Amino acid sequence: MRIGSADGGEIVDHAIQSVEVLPEFEGVEITFSDPDGITGWFDPPKVERVLLNLLFNACEAVPTDTGKVNVSARITERGFEICVTDNGPGIPEDIRENLFQPFVSSGKEKGIGLGLTVVQKIMQDHHGEVTVPKSGKDGTTFQLIFPNVCQKEAAEATPYAPGYGAD
């Protein structure tokens, strides 16, 4: 991993743009609520992979014509928090307990059930966590917590190394 100071909002924006251009998700409305200047210590390509996995899952879960996905970012006492919330039908009860295990999937045409396993591993590598604080008939929220967040001014002294977007 190549962890360095990076703009969390920029990483989220890039992931959203990558999903919005896909024709299968053109009917899904994706919004982003972001306070300016949230900088943290991340491996940007890895964090983008986390967001892409969550966004793909959310966009596949919502209705094609009325689907809504909201991504929010904020600083909390625990660190930098990103939430991905959709208006889909929720996670089926029978897989909730094993949601982050390999090969667990439900109702998807594509995928083999490794996306959330990857999300959990990357979050653990960042000493963070991923949780599902809400899931039901009105949608699902995935919450990411990244510890060790710093404000933009402090982070500018140690910018992330060149190569953003490269693995």
Protein backbone atom coordinates (compact mmCIF):
# COMPACT_ATOMS: atom_id res chain seq x y z
CA MET A 1 0.00 0.00 0.00
CA ARG A 2 1.07 3.54 -0.72
CA ILE A 3 -0.60 5.65 1.91
CA GLY A 4 -0.20 9.40 1.79
CA SER A 5 -2.14 12.58 2.26
CA ALA A 6 -5.03 12.76 -0.21
CA ASP A 7 -8.23 14.72 -0.76
CA GLY A 8 -11.11 12.44 0.25
CA GLY A 9 -13.65 14.42 -1.76
CA GLU A 10 -11.56 14.12 -4.90
CA ILE A 11 -11.38 10.33 -4.53
CA VAL A 12 -15.17 10.11 -4.08
CA ASP A 13 -15.80 12.42 -7.06
CA HIS A 14 -13.57 10.31 -9.30
CA ALA A 15 -15.34 7.08 -8.30
CA ILE A 16 -18.79 8.62 -8.90
CA GLN A 17 -17.76 9.90 -12.33
CA SER A 18 -16.49 6.43 -13.23
CA VAL A 19 -19.88 4.90 -12.40
CA GLU A 20 -22.04 7.65 -13.92
CA VAL A 21 -20.61 7.11 -17.40
CA LEU A 22 -21.74 3.46 -17.50
CA PRO A 23 -24.85 3.05 -19.67
CA GLU A 24 -26.44 0.48 -17.34
CA PHE A 25 -26.60 3.11 -14.58
CA GLU A 26 -27.74 6.13 -16.61
CA GLY A 27 -31.15 6.15 -14.88
CA VAL A 28 -29.64 6.21 -11.38
CA GLU A 29 -29.24 9.58 -9.70
CA ILE A 30 -25.97 9.77 -7.75
CA THR A 31 -25.40 12.73 -5.43
CA PHE A 32 -22.46 13.68 -3.23
CA SER A 33 -22.51 15.81 -0.06
CA ASP A 34 -18.98 16.88 0.76
CA PRO A 35 -17.62 19.52 3.10
CA ASP A 36 -14.59 21.18 1.52
CA GLY A 37 -11.08 20.39 2.61
CA ILE A 38 -11.36 16.87 4.02
CA THR A 39 -7.95 15.38 3.67
CA GLY A 40 -6.84 12.11 5.14
CA TRP A 41 -4.21 9.42 4.96
CA PHE A 42 -5.22 6.96 2.26
CA ASP A 43 -3.99 4.82 -0.58
CA PRO A 44 -6.19 6.65 -3.14
CA PRO A 45 -6.49 3.83 -5.72
CA LYS A 46 -7.46 1.37 -2.98
CA VAL A 47 -10.03 3.73 -1.48
CA GLU A 48 -11.43 4.37 -4.94
CA ARG A 49 -11.79 0.57 -5.38
CA VAL A 50 -13.79 0.48 -2.12
CA LEU A 51 -16.09 3.23 -3.37
CA LEU A 52 -16.49 1.67 -6.80
CA ASN A 53 -17.51 -1.66 -5.24
CA LEU A 54 -20.07 0.05 -3.01
CA LEU A 55 -21.38 2.24 -5.83
CA PHE A 56 -21.72 -0.70 -8.22
CA ASN A 57 -23.64 -2.66 -5.57
CA ALA A 58 -25.89 0.30 -4.78
CA CYS A 59 -26.60 1.08 -8.45
CA GLU A 60 -27.42 -2.58 -9.14
CA ALA A 61 -29.76 -2.71 -6.12
CA VAL A 62 -31.89 0.37 -6.87
CA PRO A 63 -34.82 0.57 -9.31
CA THR A 64 -33.51 1.42 -12.80
CA ASP A 65 -35.90 4.35 -13.32
CA THR A 66 -36.13 5.83 -9.79
CA GLY A 67 -32.81 4.76 -8.31
CA LYS A 68 -31.03 7.16 -5.99
CA VAL A 69 -27.61 6.78 -4.41
CA ASN A 70 -26.21 9.39 -2.06
CA VAL A 71 -22.60 9.56 -0.96
CA SER A 72 -21.77 11.77 2.01
CA ALA A 73 -18.46 12.60 3.64
CA ARG A 74 -17.71 14.26 6.94
CA ILE A 75 -15.28 14.43 9.82
CA THR A 76 -16.41 12.72 13.03
CA GLU A 77 -14.73 12.03 16.36
CA ARG A 78 -13.65 8.67 14.94
CA GLY A 79 -12.12 10.01 11.70
CA PHE A 80 -13.17 10.58 8.11
CA GLU A 81 -16.58 9.02 7.46
CA ILE A 82 -18.03 8.17 4.05
CA CYS A 83 -21.57 6.83 3.77
CA VAL A 84 -23.09 5.30 0.64
CA THR A 85 -26.89 5.16 0.86
CA ASP A 86 -29.31 3.76 -1.72
CA ASN A 87 -33.08 3.48 -2.07
CA GLY A 88 -33.04 -0.19 -3.01
CA PRO A 89 -34.93 -3.04 -1.34
CA GLY A 90 -32.32 -3.70 1.33
CA ILE A 91 -30.01 -6.62 1.94
CA PRO A 92 -31.85 -9.94 2.24
CA GLU A 93 -32.01 -11.15 5.84
CA ASP A 94 -30.48 -14.54 4.98
CA ILE A 95 -27.13 -13.05 3.85
CA ARG A 96 -26.71 -10.12 6.27
CA GLU A 97 -24.72 -12.13 8.79
CA ASN A 98 -22.21 -13.29 6.15
CA LEU A 99 -22.25 -10.19 3.98
CA PHE A 100 -18.46 -9.69 3.97
CA GLN A 101 -17.60 -13.35 3.39
CA PRO A 102 -16.31 -14.44 -0.04
CA PHE A 103 -18.87 -15.54 -2.64
CA VAL A 104 -21.90 -14.09 -0.85
CA SER A 105 -24.22 -12.43 -3.35
CA SER A 106 -27.92 -11.93 -3.91
CA GLY A 107 -30.07 -10.99 -6.87
CA LYS A 108 -27.26 -9.78 -9.14
CA GLU A 109 -26.68 -10.74 -12.74
CA LYS A 110 -22.98 -9.88 -12.60
CA GLY A 111 -20.41 -10.50 -9.92
CA ILE A 112 -19.33 -13.47 -7.89
CA GLY A 113 -19.66 -12.09 -4.38
CA LEU A 114 -16.14 -10.81 -3.74
CA GLY A 115 -16.76 -7.04 -3.81
CA LEU A 116 -17.61 -6.60 -0.14
CA THR A 117 -14.82 -8.96 0.90
CA VAL A 118 -12.40 -6.66 -0.95
CA VAL A 119 -14.01 -3.60 0.67
CA GLN A 120 -13.54 -5.07 4.14
CA LYS A 121 -9.90 -6.05 3.46
CA ILE A 122 -8.97 -2.59 2.16
CA MET A 123 -10.68 -0.93 5.11
CA GLN A 124 -8.76 -3.20 7.52
CA ASP A 125 -5.52 -2.31 5.71
CA HIS A 126 -6.35 1.36 6.42
CA HIS A 127 -7.08 0.51 10.09
CA GLY A 128 -10.64 1.54 9.36
CA GLU A 129 -13.95 -0.23 9.35
CA VAL A 130 -16.99 -0.81 7.17
CA THR A 131 -20.43 -1.29 8.70
CA VAL A 132 -24.05 -1.47 7.55
CA PRO A 133 -25.93 0.76 10.01
CA LYS A 134 -29.17 0.56 8.02
CA SER A 135 -30.76 -1.91 5.62
CA GLY A 136 -34.42 -2.43 4.94
CA LYS A 137 -37.18 -1.93 2.41
CA ASP A 138 -36.26 1.76 2.13
CA GLY A 139 -32.63 1.13 1.26
CA THR A 140 -29.20 0.40 2.63
CA THR A 141 -26.37 2.49 4.04
CA PHE A 142 -22.74 1.39 4.12
CA GLN A 143 -20.52 3.41 6.45
CA LEU A 144 -16.75 3.68 6.06
CA ILE A 145 -14.61 5.09 8.87
CA PHE A 146 -11.00 6.07 8.17
CA PRO A 147 -9.04 7.05 11.30
CA ASN A 148 -6.14 9.51 11.41
CA VAL A 149 -7.73 12.30 9.41
CA CYS A 150 -5.98 15.60 9.15
CA GLN A 151 -7.18 18.96 7.96
CA LYS A 152 -6.16 20.18 4.52
CA GLU A 153 -3.68 22.77 5.79
CA ALA A 154 -1.67 20.20 7.76
CA ALA A 155 -1.75 17.66 4.95
CA GLU A 156 -0.44 20.05 2.30
CA ALA A 157 3.00 19.72 3.85
CA THR A 158 3.09 16.03 2.82
CA PRO A 159 1.22 15.61 -0.47
CA TYR A 160 0.44 12.17 -1.83
CA ALA A 161 3.17 10.80 -4.10
CA PRO A 162 2.69 10.97 -7.89
CA GLY A 163 0.88 8.10 -9.49
CA TYR A 164 -2.70 8.64 -8.26
CA GLY A 165 -4.89 6.22 -10.14
CA ALA A 166 -2.12 3.69 -10.71
CA ASP A 167 -1.96 0.44 -8.74
